[in-house]
Amino acid sequence: MNFSVKIKLFLLVLIIVSSATLVGYIIYRGNILLSGNLILGFYLLILTTVVATYFIYQYFKRLVNSAAQLIAKNTMDDPSVASEEIFDELLKESSQVEDELVYYTKQTEQFSSVLSKMGQGVILVDKNYQVLYLNKTINAEFFPDLNIGDKLFENISYPQFKKFLEKAWNKKDLVREISGPISIKTVYLVSAKKDDIRDEMLIVFSDISKSKNFEKMREDFIGNVSHELRTPISVIKANAETLIENKLIKDDENAKLFTEAIFSQSERMTVIVNDLLKISSMEAGEYPISIESINSFSIAKNLIKEFKPNLDKKKLIVQNNLNKNTKVMADKAALKLILTNFLSNAIKHSPKKALINLAESSSSKGFVRLSVSDEGKGVPKKYKERVFERFYRIDKGRSSKTGGTGLGLSISKNLALMMGYSVGVEANEPKGATFFIDIKVDEEKSIQAA
């Protein structure tokens, strides 16, 4: 053992014993401090201190020896040799542990404060739904009477949330939008993540009511404006068409050109308004979807016939390589509109005398990928997701020449989501782009047809 440790023990015992002796001396002898017995008492004090130090030291030594024997049972022949060093190390470690405990306590307090101020409700539960932790937001906005140690659903009726957690325990990681519990107008994005090792689940509530309300206002605005624009655009289009067909302006070439421009732009505005109304009805859940077994080859074949004038104009070649016998589960009108948008896009962005390929490939078990590939400029990797946003265009200059509303791909994505499928875009080698939809196969009818 370090000598300084022995000195510390000696001084500690000395202070204790001397204090007790002096107090006793004053009590029994009054104010007589220079008695001859004082010298004898001093020697006895030193002797008592040494003896006390020895026995205290021996006690700690035996204690450390026992710990050393447990620690170094298989590695030391004589653990007592290192006991003094271990004792010193224990003293140092205890000091470090104390400092670390203070640090972690502060960190825990800060973390708890952050959780309370972040505006999100946080709950930690075990497999029996016993609350292990909750922050102040949970009590303030969700469950005022819930405390740590309570069973989550013992005094709380929240069926949506309970059903969500039951699914989360099986899936380990789940995110859902849930309304309530205080009001159905309040919407929360609830995420649950399971810790398999500790068999616990962390649940986080995020209030998205405001963003949902803004989204609803935006949807209502677009829908209302689109409805209001429909009538005046129809009137403008009809009047322009009448002027052109009845040749009321045949003698004025400029008036004829202006009227044709009005008619052309009114047609374009009609398409935009109709597309906006489609998106609004999809977002409102009012767009009818009926899933049935259909032949994708037949839909593609009819589309190619419909686009023949546009194809001939640019001398484009279209190959329909879809399997004639494949049946897919989809809404016929929705799938036709998706493939129409893909094919229309390919025609617009393909150079003259290029090849457009409609192909079918295996996507995953029970699914096929229907794709439309062109030989245009393609879609840069960083824009792959954004091309499906409404009104988004990569090349604004090229878009003004090719036309279009900028809504076709957005409509395609929404229709696919409504059917439970996904769309995407990837590079077409050596150049161009391939737009696709992954769709479920009706395996029974496809096998029968084959």
Protein backbone atom coordinates (compact mmCIF):
# COMPACT_ATOMS: atom_id res chain seq x y z
CA MET A 1 0.00 0.00 0.00
CA ASN A 2 1.09 3.51 -0.73
CA PHE A 3 2.65 5.18 2.36
CA SER A 4 0.45 8.23 1.92
CA VAL A 5 -2.64 6.09 2.44
CA LYS A 6 -1.27 4.84 5.83
CA ILE A 7 -0.50 8.42 6.87
CA LYS A 8 -4.05 9.44 5.96
CA LEU A 9 -5.49 6.60 8.03
CA PHE A 10 -3.18 7.45 10.97
CA LEU A 11 -4.12 11.14 10.91
CA LEU A 12 -7.80 10.30 10.68
CA VAL A 13 -7.67 8.03 13.73
CA LEU A 14 -5.43 10.56 15.56
CA ILE A 15 -7.94 13.35 15.08
CA ILE A 16 -10.81 11.18 16.26
CA VAL A 17 -9.01 9.81 19.34
CA SER A 18 -7.41 13.17 20.33
CA SER A 19 -10.70 14.96 20.05
CA ALA A 20 -12.37 12.40 22.28
CA THR A 21 -9.48 12.49 24.79
CA LEU A 22 -9.33 16.27 25.05
CA VAL A 23 -13.08 16.53 25.50
CA GLY A 24 -12.91 13.93 28.27
CA TYR A 25 -9.94 15.67 29.86
CA ILE A 26 -11.71 19.02 30.00
CA ILE A 27 -14.83 17.44 31.45
CA TYR A 28 -13.03 15.60 34.28
CA ARG A 29 -10.19 18.07 35.11
CA GLY A 30 -11.82 21.40 34.55
CA ASN A 31 -9.39 24.12 33.40
CA ILE A 32 -6.19 22.48 34.74
CA LEU A 33 -4.26 21.76 31.54
CA LEU A 34 -0.66 21.52 32.83
CA SER A 35 -1.09 18.45 34.99
CA GLY A 36 1.62 15.81 35.14
CA ASN A 37 -0.86 13.22 33.91
CA LEU A 38 -1.13 15.16 30.65
CA ILE A 39 2.26 13.82 29.44
CA LEU A 40 1.25 10.27 30.26
CA GLY A 41 -2.06 10.86 28.55
CA PHE A 42 -0.24 12.10 25.45
CA TYR A 43 1.82 8.89 25.21
CA LEU A 44 -1.27 6.80 25.75
CA LEU A 45 -2.96 8.80 22.98
CA ILE A 46 -0.15 8.02 20.54
CA LEU A 47 -0.21 4.35 21.49
CA THR A 48 -3.99 4.15 21.13
CA THR A 49 -3.82 5.83 17.73
CA VAL A 50 -1.15 3.42 16.46
CA VAL A 51 -3.09 0.40 17.68
CA ALA A 52 -6.33 1.71 16.15
CA THR A 53 -4.55 2.43 12.84
CA TYR A 54 -3.05 -1.06 12.82
CA PHE A 55 -6.37 -2.82 13.34
CA ILE A 56 -8.17 -0.62 10.77
CA TYR A 57 -5.40 -1.23 8.28
CA GLN A 58 -5.49 -5.01 8.90
CA TYR A 59 -9.25 -4.99 8.38
CA PHE A 60 -8.98 -3.27 5.01
CA LYS A 61 -6.04 -5.50 4.06
CA ARG A 62 -8.07 -8.65 4.71
CA LEU A 63 -10.98 -7.17 2.77
CA VAL A 64 -8.79 -6.38 -0.24
CA ASN A 65 -7.07 -9.77 -0.03
CA SER A 66 -10.45 -11.45 -0.32
CA ALA A 67 -11.32 -9.32 -3.37
CA ALA A 68 -7.90 -10.02 -4.88
CA GLN A 69 -8.40 -13.77 -4.46
CA LEU A 70 -11.68 -13.58 -6.35
CA ILE A 71 -10.29 -11.36 -9.12
CA ALA A 72 -6.97 -13.16 -9.61
CA LYS A 73 -8.06 -16.69 -8.77
CA ASN A 74 -6.65 -18.16 -11.97
CA THR A 75 -3.92 -15.63 -12.70
CA MET A 76 -2.05 -15.01 -9.42
CA ASP A 77 -0.14 -17.48 -7.26
CA ASP A 78 -0.15 -15.09 -4.29
CA PRO A 79 -2.92 -12.48 -4.58
CA SER A 80 -2.04 -10.91 -1.21
CA VAL A 81 1.20 -9.58 -2.70
CA ALA A 82 -0.77 -7.30 -4.97
CA SER A 83 -3.49 -6.47 -2.48
CA GLU A 84 -2.01 -3.15 -1.44
CA GLU A 85 -1.71 -2.04 -5.06
CA ILE A 86 -5.27 -3.17 -5.65
CA PHE A 87 -6.40 -1.19 -2.61
CA ASP A 88 -4.79 1.95 -4.00
CA GLU A 89 -6.36 1.27 -7.39
CA LEU A 90 -9.77 0.80 -5.78
CA LEU A 91 -9.48 4.18 -4.11
CA LYS A 92 -8.62 5.82 -7.41
CA GLU A 93 -11.39 3.97 -9.26
CA SER A 94 -13.98 4.90 -6.63
CA SER A 95 -13.10 8.55 -7.13
CA GLN A 96 -13.43 8.21 -10.92
CA VAL A 97 -16.73 6.36 -10.59
CA GLU A 98 -18.06 9.13 -8.39
CA ASP A 99 -17.08 11.75 -10.98
CA GLU A 100 -18.65 9.71 -13.77
CA LEU A 101 -21.85 9.25 -11.80
CA VAL A 102 -22.11 13.01 -11.34
CA TYR A 103 -21.48 13.50 -15.09
CA TYR A 104 -24.06 10.93 -16.18
CA THR A 105 -26.60 12.31 -13.73
CA LYS A 106 -26.22 15.75 -15.32
CA GLN A 107 -26.48 14.22 -18.80
CA THR A 108 -29.64 12.34 -17.83
CA GLU A 109 -31.21 15.51 -16.45
CA GLN A 110 -30.32 17.42 -19.62
CA PHE A 111 -31.68 14.62 -21.83
CA SER A 112 -34.91 14.52 -19.85
CA SER A 113 -35.20 18.31 -20.19
CA VAL A 114 -34.67 18.09 -23.97
CA LEU A 115 -37.33 15.38 -24.30
CA SER A 116 -39.77 17.57 -22.40
CA LYS A 117 -39.08 20.65 -24.53
CA MET A 118 -38.95 19.04 -27.98
CA GLY A 119 -42.74 18.97 -28.33
CA GLN A 120 -42.85 15.22 -28.93
CA GLY A 121 -44.40 12.71 -26.58
CA VAL A 122 -42.07 9.88 -25.55
CA ILE A 123 -43.04 6.65 -23.77
CA LEU A 124 -40.92 3.59 -22.97
CA VAL A 125 -42.83 0.39 -22.16
CA ASP A 126 -41.97 -3.24 -21.52
CA LYS A 127 -43.68 -6.28 -23.07
CA ASN A 128 -46.46 -6.08 -20.45
CA TYR A 129 -47.14 -2.43 -21.40
CA GLN A 130 -45.77 -1.21 -18.08
CA VAL A 131 -44.51 2.37 -18.42
CA LEU A 132 -40.77 2.57 -17.78
CA TYR A 133 -40.39 6.22 -18.80
CA LEU A 134 -42.51 9.10 -20.09
CA ASN A 135 -41.81 12.78 -20.62
CA LYS A 136 -43.87 15.81 -19.62
CA THR A 137 -45.45 16.16 -23.08
CA ILE A 138 -47.24 12.83 -22.61
CA ASN A 139 -48.91 14.08 -19.43
CA ALA A 140 -49.65 17.52 -20.87
CA GLU A 141 -51.16 16.49 -24.22
CA PHE A 142 -52.06 12.80 -24.08
CA PHE A 143 -52.49 11.02 -20.77
CA PRO A 144 -52.61 13.41 -17.74
CA ASP A 145 -52.95 10.62 -15.16
CA LEU A 146 -50.32 8.26 -16.56
CA ASN A 147 -47.27 7.68 -14.36
CA ILE A 148 -44.10 5.61 -14.47
CA GLY A 149 -44.92 2.09 -13.28
CA ASP A 150 -48.53 2.16 -14.53
CA LYS A 151 -49.94 -0.29 -17.07
CA LEU A 152 -50.44 1.72 -20.27
CA PHE A 153 -54.01 0.65 -21.06
CA GLU A 154 -55.21 -0.07 -17.54
CA ASN A 155 -57.06 3.24 -17.17
CA ILE A 156 -56.76 4.50 -20.76
CA SER A 157 -59.12 3.71 -23.65
CA TYR A 158 -57.34 4.38 -26.94
CA PRO A 159 -58.21 1.50 -29.35
CA GLN A 160 -56.31 2.91 -32.34
CA PHE A 161 -53.12 3.23 -30.32
CA LYS A 162 -53.49 -0.21 -28.72
CA LYS A 163 -53.99 -1.85 -32.12
CA PHE A 164 -50.95 0.00 -33.44
CA LEU A 165 -48.72 -1.25 -30.59
CA GLU A 166 -49.89 -4.84 -31.05
CA LYS A 167 -48.71 -4.68 -34.66
CA ALA A 168 -45.50 -2.92 -33.66
CA TRP A 169 -44.45 -5.77 -31.32
CA ASN A 170 -44.56 -8.16 -34.28
CA LYS A 171 -42.96 -5.86 -36.86
CA LYS A 172 -40.36 -4.36 -34.45
CA ASP A 173 -40.46 -1.00 -36.25
CA LEU A 174 -43.70 0.70 -37.27
CA VAL A 175 -44.87 4.21 -38.19
CA ARG A 176 -48.52 5.24 -38.54
CA GLU A 177 -50.74 8.31 -38.53
CA ILE A 178 -53.23 8.12 -35.65
CA SER A 179 -55.96 10.58 -34.73
CA GLY A 180 -56.92 11.46 -31.15
CA PRO A 181 -56.96 10.75 -28.28
CA ILE A 182 -58.31 14.16 -27.20
CA SER A 183 -59.89 15.12 -30.57
CA ILE A 184 -60.35 13.42 -33.94
CA LYS A 185 -59.06 16.63 -35.54
CA THR A 186 -55.70 16.06 -33.87
CA VAL A 187 -53.42 13.84 -35.95
CA TYR A 188 -50.17 12.32 -34.71
CA LEU A 189 -47.39 10.53 -36.50
CA VAL A 190 -46.63 7.70 -34.10
CA SER A 191 -43.45 5.64 -34.40
CA ALA A 192 -42.61 2.56 -32.35
CA LYS A 193 -39.26 0.79 -32.25
CA LYS A 194 -38.65 -2.45 -30.36
CA ASP A 195 -35.46 -3.28 -28.49
CA ASP A 196 -35.12 -7.07 -28.78
CA ILE A 197 -32.33 -7.31 -26.22
CA ARG A 198 -34.17 -5.51 -23.40
CA ASP A 199 -37.64 -6.48 -24.70
CA GLU A 200 -38.78 -2.86 -24.52
CA MET A 201 -40.46 -0.50 -26.95
CA LEU A 202 -39.87 3.22 -27.46
CA ILE A 203 -42.93 5.14 -28.70
CA VAL A 204 -42.72 8.70 -30.05
CA PHE A 205 -45.75 10.94 -30.78
CA SER A 206 -45.28 13.83 -33.24
CA ASP A 207 -48.13 16.29 -33.74
CA ILE A 208 -48.72 16.77 -37.49
CA SER A 209 -52.18 18.34 -37.19
CA LYS A 210 -51.08 21.73 -38.53
CA SER A 211 -49.35 20.30 -41.59
CA LYS A 212 -52.40 18.09 -42.23
CA ASN A 213 -54.70 21.11 -42.03
CA PHE A 214 -52.48 23.08 -44.42
CA GLU A 215 -52.45 20.13 -46.80
CA LYS A 216 -56.25 19.91 -46.66
CA MET A 217 -56.56 23.64 -47.33
CA ARG A 218 -54.22 23.33 -50.30
CA GLU A 219 -56.17 20.40 -51.71
CA ASP A 220 -59.49 22.22 -51.27
CA PHE A 221 -58.07 25.34 -52.92
CA ILE A 222 -56.79 23.44 -55.96
CA GLY A 223 -60.05 21.52 -56.28
CA ASN A 224 -62.24 24.64 -55.99
CA VAL A 225 -60.12 26.71 -58.38
CA SER A 226 -60.07 23.88 -60.92
CA HIS A 227 -63.87 23.58 -60.80
CA GLU A 228 -64.27 27.33 -61.19
CA LEU A 229 -61.88 27.47 -64.16
CA ARG A 230 -63.61 24.69 -66.01
CA THR A 231 -66.61 26.74 -67.16
CA PRO A 232 -64.81 29.88 -68.48
CA ILE A 233 -62.21 27.75 -70.27
CA SER A 234 -64.98 25.71 -71.94
CA VAL A 235 -66.68 28.92 -73.10
CA ILE A 236 -63.42 30.33 -74.51
CA LYS A 237 -62.64 27.05 -76.28
CA ALA A 238 -66.16 26.75 -77.76
CA ASN A 239 -66.19 30.34 -79.04
CA ALA A 240 -62.72 30.01 -80.59
CA GLU A 241 -63.73 26.74 -82.24
CA THR A 242 -66.91 28.35 -83.64
CA LEU A 243 -64.96 31.25 -85.10
CA ILE A 244 -62.52 28.88 -86.82
CA GLU A 245 -65.01 26.29 -88.14
CA ASN A 246 -67.60 28.79 -89.43
CA LYS A 247 -64.88 30.82 -91.13
CA LEU A 248 -66.16 34.05 -89.61
CA ILE A 249 -62.65 35.46 -89.73
CA LYS A 250 -61.51 33.98 -93.05
CA ASP A 251 -60.62 37.38 -94.53
CA ASP A 252 -58.32 38.36 -91.68
CA GLU A 253 -55.26 36.07 -91.53
CA ASN A 254 -53.96 37.55 -88.27
CA ALA A 255 -57.33 37.16 -86.54
CA LYS A 256 -57.39 33.53 -87.69
CA LEU A 257 -53.91 32.89 -86.23
CA PHE A 258 -54.84 34.56 -82.94
CA THR A 259 -58.06 32.56 -82.68
CA GLU A 260 -56.25 29.29 -83.36
CA ALA A 261 -53.75 30.17 -80.63
CA ILE A 262 -56.62 30.89 -78.21
CA PHE A 263 -58.21 27.54 -79.09
CA SER A 264 -54.90 25.66 -78.69
CA GLN A 265 -54.14 27.19 -75.29
CA SER A 266 -57.70 26.67 -74.08
CA GLU A 267 -57.31 22.98 -74.94
CA ARG A 268 -54.08 22.87 -72.95
CA MET A 269 -55.75 24.61 -70.02
CA THR A 270 -58.58 22.06 -70.17
CA VAL A 271 -56.06 19.22 -69.86
CA ILE A 272 -54.34 20.91 -66.89
CA VAL A 273 -57.64 21.54 -65.08
CA ASN A 274 -58.78 17.95 -65.68
CA ASP A 275 -55.44 16.64 -64.36
CA LEU A 276 -55.70 18.84 -61.26
CA LEU A 277 -59.22 17.57 -60.62
CA LYS A 278 -57.98 13.99 -60.93
CA ILE A 279 -55.24 14.61 -58.36
CA SER A 280 -57.68 16.38 -56.01
CA SER A 281 -60.13 13.49 -56.18
CA MET A 282 -57.31 10.99 -55.54
CA GLU A 283 -56.07 12.90 -52.50
CA ALA A 284 -59.61 13.20 -51.17
CA GLY A 285 -60.12 9.44 -51.59
CA GLU A 286 -62.94 9.99 -54.09
CA TYR A 287 -61.26 8.46 -57.12
CA PRO A 288 -62.87 5.04 -57.79
CA ILE A 289 -60.47 2.09 -57.86
CA SER A 290 -61.59 -1.44 -58.69
CA ILE A 291 -58.88 -4.13 -58.74
CA GLU A 292 -59.46 -6.95 -61.23
CA SER A 293 -57.52 -9.34 -63.42
CA ILE A 294 -56.61 -7.63 -66.71
CA ASN A 295 -54.36 -8.24 -69.70
CA SER A 296 -51.59 -5.63 -69.79
CA PHE A 297 -50.54 -6.61 -73.35
CA SER A 298 -53.97 -5.66 -74.74
CA ILE A 299 -53.90 -2.27 -72.99
CA ALA A 300 -50.44 -1.52 -74.41
CA LYS A 301 -51.50 -2.66 -77.90
CA ASN A 302 -54.51 -0.28 -77.94
CA LEU A 303 -52.41 2.58 -76.62
CA ILE A 304 -49.90 2.22 -79.46
CA LYS A 305 -52.78 2.51 -81.95
CA GLU A 306 -54.06 5.66 -80.23
CA PHE A 307 -50.60 7.26 -80.37
CA LYS A 308 -49.96 6.29 -84.01
CA PRO A 309 -50.31 9.86 -85.39
CA ASN A 310 -47.75 11.15 -82.86
CA LEU A 311 -45.42 8.22 -83.57
CA ASP A 312 -45.63 8.69 -87.35
CA LYS A 313 -44.94 12.40 -86.99
CA LYS A 314 -41.52 11.70 -85.39
CA LYS A 315 -41.03 8.37 -87.24
CA LEU A 316 -40.73 6.52 -83.94
CA ILE A 317 -40.76 2.72 -83.62
CA VAL A 318 -42.60 1.15 -80.70
CA GLN A 319 -42.06 -2.48 -79.68
CA ASN A 320 -44.68 -4.15 -77.49
CA ASN A 321 -42.69 -6.86 -75.70
CA LEU A 322 -45.23 -7.49 -72.95
CA ASN A 323 -46.25 -11.12 -72.45
CA LYS A 324 -49.61 -11.81 -74.15
CA ASN A 325 -50.59 -14.34 -71.48
CA THR A 326 -49.73 -12.31 -68.37
CA LYS A 327 -52.67 -11.19 -66.26
CA VAL A 328 -52.11 -8.50 -63.65
CA MET A 329 -54.24 -7.32 -60.72
CA ALA A 330 -55.06 -3.67 -61.31
CA ASP A 331 -57.72 -1.09 -62.01
CA LYS A 332 -58.05 -1.06 -65.80
CA ALA A 333 -58.57 2.71 -66.18
CA ALA A 334 -55.75 3.50 -63.72
CA LEU A 335 -53.22 1.17 -65.39
CA LYS A 336 -54.16 2.53 -68.81
CA LEU A 337 -53.62 6.11 -67.61
CA ILE A 338 -50.23 5.20 -66.07
CA LEU A 339 -49.00 3.54 -69.27
CA THR A 340 -50.46 6.44 -71.29
CA ASN A 341 -48.40 8.93 -69.28
CA PHE A 342 -45.25 6.79 -69.61
CA LEU A 343 -45.69 6.38 -73.37
CA SER A 344 -46.62 10.04 -73.91
CA ASN A 345 -43.50 11.04 -71.99
CA ALA A 346 -41.33 8.74 -74.08
CA ILE A 347 -42.73 10.16 -77.33
CA LYS A 348 -42.15 13.77 -76.24
CA HIS A 349 -38.53 13.24 -75.21
CA SER A 350 -37.41 10.80 -77.90
CA PRO A 351 -35.43 12.05 -80.90
CA LYS A 352 -36.74 11.32 -84.41
CA LYS A 353 -36.49 7.72 -85.68
CA ALA A 354 -35.79 6.45 -82.15
CA LEU A 355 -36.98 3.21 -80.55
CA ILE A 356 -39.49 2.99 -77.69
CA ASN A 357 -39.69 -0.36 -75.92
CA LEU A 358 -42.53 -1.68 -73.76
CA ALA A 359 -41.11 -4.55 -71.71
CA GLU A 360 -42.03 -6.96 -68.95
CA SER A 361 -39.64 -8.44 -66.41
CA SER A 362 -39.77 -10.25 -63.09
CA SER A 363 -39.69 -7.80 -60.16
CA SER A 364 -40.12 -9.87 -56.99
CA LYS A 365 -42.10 -12.93 -55.99
CA GLY A 366 -45.60 -12.57 -57.40
CA PHE A 367 -44.84 -9.23 -59.11
CA VAL A 368 -43.81 -8.13 -62.60
CA ARG A 369 -42.32 -4.85 -63.80
CA LEU A 370 -44.04 -3.17 -66.73
CA SER A 371 -41.72 -0.58 -68.24
CA VAL A 372 -41.52 1.97 -71.05
CA SER A 373 -38.00 2.83 -72.29
CA ASP A 374 -36.97 5.67 -74.60
CA GLU A 375 -33.74 6.96 -76.15
CA GLY A 376 -34.01 10.55 -75.00
CA LYS A 377 -31.75 12.56 -72.70
CA GLY A 378 -32.67 10.47 -69.67
CA VAL A 379 -33.24 11.50 -66.05
CA PRO A 380 -30.22 12.41 -63.87
CA LYS A 381 -29.93 10.33 -60.70
CA LYS A 382 -30.56 13.31 -58.39
CA TYR A 383 -33.94 13.97 -60.05
CA LYS A 384 -35.30 10.39 -59.94
CA GLU A 385 -37.69 11.11 -57.08
CA ARG A 386 -38.55 14.69 -58.00
CA VAL A 387 -39.82 13.89 -61.51
CA PHE A 388 -42.94 12.40 -59.86
CA GLU A 389 -43.76 15.69 -58.11
CA ARG A 390 -46.53 17.79 -59.62
CA PHE A 391 -45.41 20.51 -62.06
CA TYR A 392 -41.76 19.50 -61.65
CA ARG A 393 -39.63 19.57 -64.82
CA ILE A 394 -35.93 18.91 -65.18
CA ASP A 395 -35.36 21.05 -68.25
CA LYS A 396 -37.70 24.05 -68.25
CA GLY A 397 -36.59 25.11 -71.73
CA ARG A 398 -37.14 21.68 -73.25
CA SER A 399 -40.54 21.41 -71.49
CA SER A 400 -41.81 24.59 -73.12
CA LYS A 401 -41.07 23.08 -76.53
CA THR A 402 -42.45 19.59 -75.87
CA GLY A 403 -45.53 20.82 -74.02
CA GLY A 404 -47.32 18.87 -71.29
CA THR A 405 -48.79 19.83 -67.94
CA GLY A 406 -46.10 18.48 -65.63
CA LEU A 407 -48.78 16.47 -63.84
CA GLY A 408 -48.73 13.17 -65.72
CA LEU A 409 -46.06 11.44 -63.65
CA SER A 410 -47.55 12.77 -60.40
CA ILE A 411 -50.93 11.30 -61.40
CA SER A 412 -49.22 8.00 -62.28
CA LYS A 413 -47.56 7.82 -58.87
CA ASN A 414 -50.83 8.55 -57.03
CA LEU A 415 -52.74 5.96 -59.04
CA ALA A 416 -50.07 3.33 -58.36
CA LEU A 417 -50.16 4.09 -54.62
CA MET A 418 -53.94 3.80 -54.59
CA MET A 419 -53.62 0.31 -56.06
CA GLY A 420 -50.88 -0.56 -53.56
CA TYR A 421 -48.03 -0.46 -56.09
CA SER A 422 -44.98 1.71 -56.77
CA VAL A 423 -43.55 3.49 -59.80
CA GLY A 424 -40.01 4.61 -60.56
CA VAL A 425 -37.45 5.57 -63.16
CA GLU A 426 -34.00 4.25 -64.01
CA ALA A 427 -31.41 4.76 -66.74
CA ASN A 428 -31.89 3.07 -70.09
CA GLU A 429 -28.54 1.94 -71.47
CA PRO A 430 -26.81 3.33 -73.42
CA LYS A 431 -29.08 6.41 -73.28
CA GLY A 432 -32.57 7.44 -72.33
CA ALA A 433 -34.87 6.61 -69.42
CA THR A 434 -37.05 3.70 -68.34
CA PHE A 435 -40.25 4.41 -66.40
CA PHE A 436 -41.83 1.42 -64.68
CA ILE A 437 -44.54 0.13 -62.38
CA ASP A 438 -44.18 -3.00 -60.22
CA ILE A 439 -47.53 -4.77 -60.25
CA LYS A 440 -48.99 -7.98 -58.81
CA VAL A 441 -49.51 -10.94 -61.16
CA ASP A 442 -52.74 -12.93 -61.25
CA GLU A 443 -50.75 -16.17 -61.25
CA GLU A 444 -53.73 -18.52 -61.56
CA LYS A 445 -55.20 -16.91 -64.68
CA SER A 446 -51.75 -16.27 -66.18
CA ILE A 447 -50.89 -20.00 -65.92
CA GLN A 448 -54.23 -20.99 -67.42
CA ALA A 449 -53.74 -18.61 -70.33
CA ALA A 450 -50.22 -19.94 -70.93
